[in-house]
C-alpha atoms as a PDB file:
ATOM      1  CA  MET A   1      30.745   1.324  14.707  1.00  0.00           C
ATOM      2  CA  SER A   2      29.053   1.626  18.095  1.00  0.00           C
ATOM      3  CA  ASN A   3      26.959   4.480  16.924  1.00  0.00           C
ATOM      4  CA  ASP A   4      25.554   2.474  13.949  1.00  0.00           C
ATOM      5  CA  HIS A   5      24.802  -0.430  16.265  1.00  0.00           C
ATOM      6  CA  ASP A   6      23.148   1.890  18.793  1.00  0.00           C
ATOM      7  CA  LEU A   7      20.959   3.353  16.054  1.00  0.00           C
ATOM      8  CA  GLU A   8      20.259   0.196  14.037  1.00  0.00           C
ATOM      9  CA  THR A   9      19.350  -2.132  16.947  1.00  0.00           C
ATOM     10  CA  PRO A  10      16.316  -0.217  18.115  1.00  0.00           C
ATOM     11  CA  ILE A  11      15.093   0.159  14.529  1.00  0.00           C
ATOM     12  CA  LYS A  12      15.436  -3.573  13.908  1.00  0.00           C
ATOM     13  CA  ASN A  13      13.878  -4.423  17.265  1.00  0.00           C
ATOM     14  CA  TYR A  14      10.805  -2.225  16.668  1.00  0.00           C
ATOM     15  CA  PHE A  15      10.266  -2.929  12.927  1.00  0.00           C
ATOM     16  CA  ASP A  16      10.863  -6.702  13.415  1.00  0.00           C
ATOM     17  CA  ALA A  17       8.540  -7.090  16.443  1.00  0.00           C
ATOM     18  CA  ASP A  18       5.589  -9.308  15.652  1.00  0.00           C
ATOM     19  CA  SER A  19       2.526  -7.547  17.179  1.00  0.00           C
ATOM     20  CA  ASP A  20       0.726 -10.901  17.504  1.00  0.00           C
ATOM     21  CA  LEU A  21       3.532 -12.296  19.699  1.00  0.00           C
ATOM     22  CA  VAL A  22       4.984  -9.306  21.547  1.00  0.00           C
ATOM     23  CA  PRO A  23       2.892  -7.923  24.506  1.00  0.00           C
ATOM     24  CA  TYR A  24       1.405  -4.510  23.871  1.00  0.00           C
ATOM     25  CA  GLU A  25       3.479  -2.823  26.641  1.00  0.00           C
ATOM     26  CA  GLU A  26       6.659  -4.201  25.170  1.00  0.00           C
ATOM     27  CA  LEU A  27       5.794  -3.114  21.618  1.00  0.00           C
ATOM     28  CA  ARG A  28       4.909   0.349  22.951  1.00  0.00           C
ATOM     29  CA  ALA A  29       8.302   0.592  24.651  1.00  0.00           C
ATOM     30  CA  LEU A  30      10.068  -0.414  21.451  1.00  0.00           C
ATOM     31  CA  GLU A  31       8.024   2.212  19.547  1.00  0.00           C
ATOM     32  CA  LYS A  32       9.047   4.942  22.115  1.00  0.00           C
ATOM     33  CA  GLN A  33      12.674   3.877  21.829  1.00  0.00           C
ATOM     34  CA  ALA A  34      12.486   4.177  18.012  1.00  0.00           C
ATOM     35  CA  ALA A  35      10.729   7.516  18.225  1.00  0.00           C
ATOM     36  CA  ARG A  36      13.567   8.988  20.306  1.00  0.00           C
ATOM     37  CA  LEU A  37      16.182   8.103  17.754  1.00  0.00           C
ATOM     38  CA  VAL A  38      15.534  11.232  15.653  1.00  0.00           C
ATOM     39  CA  SER A  39      16.352  13.569  18.625  1.00  0.00           C
ATOM     40  CA  GLU A  40      19.371  11.435  19.587  1.00  0.00           C
ATOM     41  CA  TYR A  41      20.957  10.874  16.074  1.00  0.00           C
ATOM     42  CA  GLY A  42      19.199  13.336  13.809  1.00  0.00           C
ATOM     43  CA  TRP A  43      16.768  12.600  10.989  1.00  0.00           C
ATOM     44  CA  ASP A  44      19.467  12.087   8.297  1.00  0.00           C
ATOM     45  CA  ALA A  45      21.079   9.264  10.194  1.00  0.00           C
ATOM     46  CA  VAL A  46      17.804   7.673  11.194  1.00  0.00           C
ATOM     47  CA  ARG A  47      16.345   7.584   7.610  1.00  0.00           C
ATOM     48  CA  GLN A  48      19.580   6.051   6.371  1.00  0.00           C
ATOM     49  CA  ALA A  49      19.499   3.388   9.057  1.00  0.00           C
ATOM     50  CA  PHE A  50      15.857   2.724   8.254  1.00  0.00           C
ATOM     51  CA  PHE A  51      16.626   2.238   4.541  1.00  0.00           C
ATOM     52  CA  ARG A  52      19.474  -0.166   5.462  1.00  0.00           C
ATOM     53  CA  TYR A  53      16.974  -2.072   7.595  1.00  0.00           C
ATOM     54  CA  VAL A  54      14.514  -2.280   4.724  1.00  0.00           C
ATOM     55  CA  ARG A  55      17.124  -3.421   2.257  1.00  0.00           C
ATOM     56  CA  ASN A  56      18.608  -6.058   4.593  1.00  0.00           C
ATOM     57  CA  GLU A  57      15.528  -7.325   6.468  1.00  0.00           C
ATOM     58  CA  CYS A  58      12.305  -6.735   4.400  1.00  0.00           C
ATOM     59  CA  LYS A  59      11.995  -9.731   2.118  1.00  0.00           C
ATOM     60  CA  THR A  60       8.210  -9.976   1.578  1.00  0.00           C
ATOM     61  CA  SER A  61       5.261  -7.705   0.776  1.00  0.00           C
ATOM     62  CA  ASP A  62       4.093  -8.195   4.358  1.00  0.00           C
ATOM     63  CA  ASP A  63       7.464  -7.105   5.664  1.00  0.00           C
ATOM     64  CA  ILE A  64       7.247  -3.922   3.604  1.00  0.00           C
ATOM     65  CA  ALA A  65       3.694  -3.262   4.750  1.00  0.00           C
ATOM     66  CA  ARG A  66       4.614  -3.639   8.414  1.00  0.00           C
ATOM     67  CA  ALA A  67       7.647  -1.395   8.036  1.00  0.00           C
ATOM     68  CA  ALA A  68       5.649   1.259   6.110  1.00  0.00           C
ATOM     69  CA  PHE A  69       2.772   1.319   8.617  1.00  0.00           C
ATOM     70  CA  ARG A  70       5.272   1.684  11.535  1.00  0.00           C
ATOM     71  CA  TYR A  71       7.176   4.365   9.696  1.00  0.00           C
ATOM     72  CA  GLU A  72       3.973   6.246   9.405  1.00  0.00           C
ATOM     73  CA  GLY A  73       3.041   5.559  13.012  1.00  0.00           C
ATOM     74  CA  LEU A  74       6.211   7.283  14.071  1.00  0.00           C
ATOM     75  CA  ASN A  75       5.263  10.244  11.886  1.00  0.00           C
ATOM     76  CA  TRP A  76       8.511   9.847   9.966  1.00  0.00           C
ATOM     77  CA  ASN A  77       6.452  10.114   6.766  1.00  0.00           C
ATOM     78  CA  LYS A  78       5.952  13.860   7.515  1.00  0.00           C
ATOM     79  CA  LYS A  79       9.691  14.532   7.436  1.00  0.00           C
ATOM     80  CA  PRO A  80      11.237  15.548   4.134  1.00  0.00           C
ATOM     81  CA  ILE A  81      13.825  13.365   2.416  1.00  0.00           C
ATOM     82  CA  PRO A  82      16.110  14.486  -0.424  1.00  0.00           C
ATOM     83  CA  ASP A  83      15.264  11.559  -2.679  1.00  0.00           C
ATOM     84  CA  PRO A  84      11.655  10.427  -2.066  1.00  0.00           C
ATOM     85  CA  TYR A  85      11.149   8.800  -5.435  1.00  0.00           C
ATOM     86  CA  GLU A  86      14.167   6.575  -4.957  1.00  0.00           C
ATOM     87  CA  PHE A  87      13.134   5.639  -1.448  1.00  0.00           C
ATOM     88  CA  LEU A  88       9.470   4.990  -2.248  1.00  0.00           C
ATOM     89  CA  GLY A  89      10.442   3.380  -5.599  1.00  0.00           C
ATOM     90  CA  TYR A  90      12.450   0.766  -3.699  1.00  0.00           C
ATOM     91  CA  LEU A  91       9.580   0.066  -1.329  1.00  0.00           C
ATOM     92  CA  TYR A  92       7.153  -0.297  -4.181  1.00  0.00           C
ATOM     93  CA  TYR A  93       9.621  -2.403  -6.083  1.00  0.00           C
ATOM     94  CA  LYS A  94      10.161  -4.837  -3.128  1.00  0.00           C
ATOM     95  CA  ALA A  95       6.383  -5.066  -2.490  1.00  0.00           C
ATOM     96  CA  GLY A  96       5.678  -5.897  -6.153  1.00  0.00           C
ATOM     97  CA  PHE A  97       4.478  -2.405  -7.296  1.00  0.00           C
ATOM     98  CA  ARG A  98       1.274  -3.040  -9.265  1.00  0.00           C
ATOM     99  CA  LYS A  99       1.059  -6.630  -7.898  1.00  0.00           C
ATOM    100  CA  ALA A 100       1.648  -5.739  -4.208  1.00  0.00           C
ATOM    101  CA  SER A 101      -0.686  -7.231  -1.598  1.00  0.00           C
ATOM    102  CA  PRO A 102      -3.631  -4.949  -0.731  1.00  0.00           C
ATOM    103  CA  LYS A 103      -2.108  -4.415   2.739  1.00  0.00           C
ATOM    104  CA  ALA A 104       1.260  -3.354   1.258  1.00  0.00           C
ATOM    105  CA  ALA A 105      -0.356  -1.204  -1.478  1.00  0.00           C
ATOM    106  CA  HIS A 106      -2.440   0.607   1.188  1.00  0.00           C
ATOM    107  CA  ALA A 107       0.614   1.229   3.380  1.00  0.00           C
ATOM    108  CA  LEU A 108       2.788   2.455   0.512  1.00  0.00           C
ATOM    109  CA  ASP A 109       0.088   4.612  -0.976  1.00  0.00           C
ATOM    110  CA  ASP A 110      -0.323   6.291   2.470  1.00  0.00           C
ATOM    111  CA  LEU A 111       3.421   6.910   2.622  1.00  0.00           C
ATOM    112  CA  CYS A 112       3.559   8.203  -0.889  1.00  0.00           C
ATOM    113  CA  ILE A 113       0.858  10.859  -0.470  1.00  0.00           C
ATOM    114  CA  THR A 114       2.610  12.162   2.630  1.00  0.00           C
ATOM    115  CA  ILE A 115       6.319  11.741   1.948  1.00  0.00           C
ATOM    116  CA  LEU A 116       6.218  13.263  -1.536  1.00  0.00           C
ATOM    117  CA  PRO A 117       4.426  16.499  -0.518  1.00  0.00           C
ATOM    118  CA  ALA A 118       6.638  16.804   2.613  1.00  0.00           C
ATOM    119  CA  SER A 119       9.675  16.585   0.355  1.00  0.00           C
ATOM    120  CA  GLY A 120       8.601  19.176  -2.096  1.00  0.00           C
ATOM    121  CA  TYR A 121       6.429  17.264  -4.591  1.00  0.00           C
ATOM    122  CA  PRO A 122       2.941  18.849  -4.280  1.00  0.00           C
ATOM    123  CA  GLU A 123       1.595  16.837  -7.198  1.00  0.00           C
ATOM    124  CA  ALA A 124       1.133  13.886  -4.782  1.00  0.00           C
ATOM    125  CA  ASN A 125      -0.957  16.012  -2.356  1.00  0.00           C
ATOM    126  CA  ILE A 126      -4.334  14.405  -2.654  1.00  0.00           C
ATOM    127  CA  TYR A 127      -6.141  17.473  -1.267  1.00  0.00           C
ATOM    128  CA  TYR A 128      -5.129  19.364  -4.397  1.00  0.00           C
ATOM    129  CA  HIS A 129      -4.760  16.426  -6.707  1.00  0.00           C
ATOM    130  CA  PRO A 130      -7.362  13.889  -5.630  1.00  0.00           C
ATOM    131  CA  TYR A 131      -6.721  11.469  -8.457  1.00  0.00           C
ATOM    132  CA  TYR A 132      -3.029  11.105  -7.869  1.00  0.00           C
ATOM    133  CA  ALA A 133      -1.879   7.431  -7.988  1.00  0.00           C
ATOM    134  CA  ALA A 134       1.746   6.340  -7.524  1.00  0.00           C
ATOM    135  CA  GLU A 135       1.139   3.522 -10.015  1.00  0.00           C
ATOM    136  CA  ALA A 136       0.437   6.131 -12.733  1.00  0.00           C
ATOM    137  CA  ASP A 137       3.165   8.571 -11.688  1.00  0.00           C
ATOM    138  CA  PRO A 138       5.917   8.602 -14.358  1.00  0.00           C
ATOM    139  CA  LYS A 139       8.570   9.451 -11.775  1.00  0.00           C
ATOM    140  CA  MET A 140       7.545   6.566  -9.570  1.00  0.00           C
ATOM    141  CA  ILE A 141       7.319   4.150 -12.449  1.00  0.00           C
ATOM    142  CA  ALA A 142      10.867   5.254 -13.489  1.00  0.00           C
ATOM    143  CA  ALA A 143      12.111   4.828  -9.831  1.00  0.00           C
ATOM    144  CA  VAL A 144      10.714   1.316  -9.570  1.00  0.00           C
ATOM    145  CA  GLU A 145      12.299   0.463 -12.876  1.00  0.00           C
ATOM    146  CA  ARG A 146      15.636   1.756 -11.808  1.00  0.00           C
ATOM    147  CA  TRP A 147      15.591  -0.502  -8.709  1.00  0.00           C
ATOM    148  CA  ARG A 148      14.534  -3.451 -10.854  1.00  0.00           C
ATOM    149  CA  GLN A 149      17.470  -2.816 -13.168  1.00  0.00           C
ATOM    150  CA  ARG A 150      19.911  -2.303 -10.286  1.00  0.00           C
ATOM    151  CA  GLU A 151      18.964  -5.554  -8.637  1.00  0.00           C
ATOM    152  CA  ALA A 152      18.924  -7.440 -12.004  1.00  0.00           C
ATOM    153  CA  ASN A 153      22.395  -6.056 -12.695  1.00  0.00           C
ATOM    154  CA  GLU A 154      23.545  -7.022  -9.181  1.00  0.00           C
ATOM    155  CA  ALA A 155      22.162 -10.563  -9.607  1.00  0.00           C
ATOM    156  CA  GLY A 156      23.887 -10.808 -12.998  1.00  0.00           C
ATOM    157  CA  GLU A 157      27.197  -9.780 -11.474  1.00  0.00           C
ATOM    158  CA  ASP A 158      26.772 -12.347  -8.740  1.00  0.00           C
ATOM    159  CA  SER A 159      26.059 -15.143 -11.092  1.00  0.00           C
ATOM    160  CA  ASN A 160      29.039 -14.198 -13.271  1.00  0.00           C
ATOM    161  CA  ASP A 161      31.316 -14.432 -10.186  1.00  0.00           C
ATOM    162  CA  THR A 162      33.890 -12.037 -11.531  1.00  0.00           C
ATOM    163  CA  GLY A 163      35.376 -11.527  -8.117  1.00  0.00           C
ATOM    164  CA  THR A 164      34.384  -7.814  -8.088  1.00  0.00           C
ATOM    165  CA  THR A 165      31.197  -6.306  -6.649  1.00  0.00           C
ATOM    166  CA  SER A 166      29.583  -2.939  -7.219  1.00  0.00           C
ATOM    167  CA  ASP A 167      26.971  -1.541  -4.924  1.00  0.00           C
ATOM    168  CA  PRO A 168      23.962  -0.062  -6.609  1.00  0.00           C
ATOM    169  CA  GLN A 169      23.471   3.643  -6.028  1.00  0.00           C
ATOM    170  CA  GLU A 170      21.375   3.916  -2.924  1.00  0.00           C
ATOM    171  CA  PRO A 171      19.164   6.767  -1.761  1.00  0.00           C
ATOM    172  CA  HIS A 172      19.598   8.621   1.517  1.00  0.00           C
ATOM    173  CA  GLY A 173      23.267   9.401   1.200  1.00  0.00           C
ATOM    174  CA  ILE A 174      24.126   6.019   2.625  1.00  0.00           C
ATOM    175  CA  GLN A 175      27.808   5.763   3.323  1.00  0.00           C
ATOM    176  CA  ARG A 176      29.495   2.950   1.523  1.00  0.00           C
ATOM    177  CA  THR A 177      33.185   2.394   1.727  1.00  0.00           C
ATOM    178  CA  GLY A 178      33.877   5.926   2.830  1.00  0.00           C
ATOM    179  CA  GLU A 179      31.883   7.774   0.274  1.00  0.00           C
ATOM    180  CA  THR A 180      28.564   9.557   0.614  1.00  0.00           C
ATOM    181  CA  ARG A 181      26.012   9.696  -2.059  1.00  0.00           C
ATOM    182  CA  ASP A 182      23.136  12.156  -1.895  1.00  0.00           C
ATOM    183  CA  LEU A 183      20.464  11.922  -4.553  1.00  0.00           C
ATOM    184  CA  MET A 184      18.139  14.868  -5.152  1.00  0.00           C
END
């Protein structure tokens, strides 16, 4: 769809840009273009497109860290999402959770303590719960494990080559083959 392309291209361009190679002015222009997406397409469409970007493009802990820092830089971390544990659980899972690089751990911890309270989970608000840690949060641990299982099952299905595929349940109401899934 043209709409998907018009939405996903600026996300990919901004989140993929290497700040060591791209001139500051160009990076700033990409950031402004990404920031306008929410007013143009709505938060729901943007967060879904961002999650697709992360699933398809972020392969390393450093990729996750860059995406998380830029997500926060756009202030998207202050917007509520209906399934914050699934979203954050995936990011932690891809970064290595307890084995994540310090840069990725820092970026994800920052997201966690802002996204969860913004989404109705005050237990992660460090002003009221200063000892909150995602790595000790049973809901986060369970979300990471669900993603680990989904991808293990997906890999098992691929290696069995049964000719059928099944998409794992994804957060953010991502549309797959005409159906919408919203997790709460």
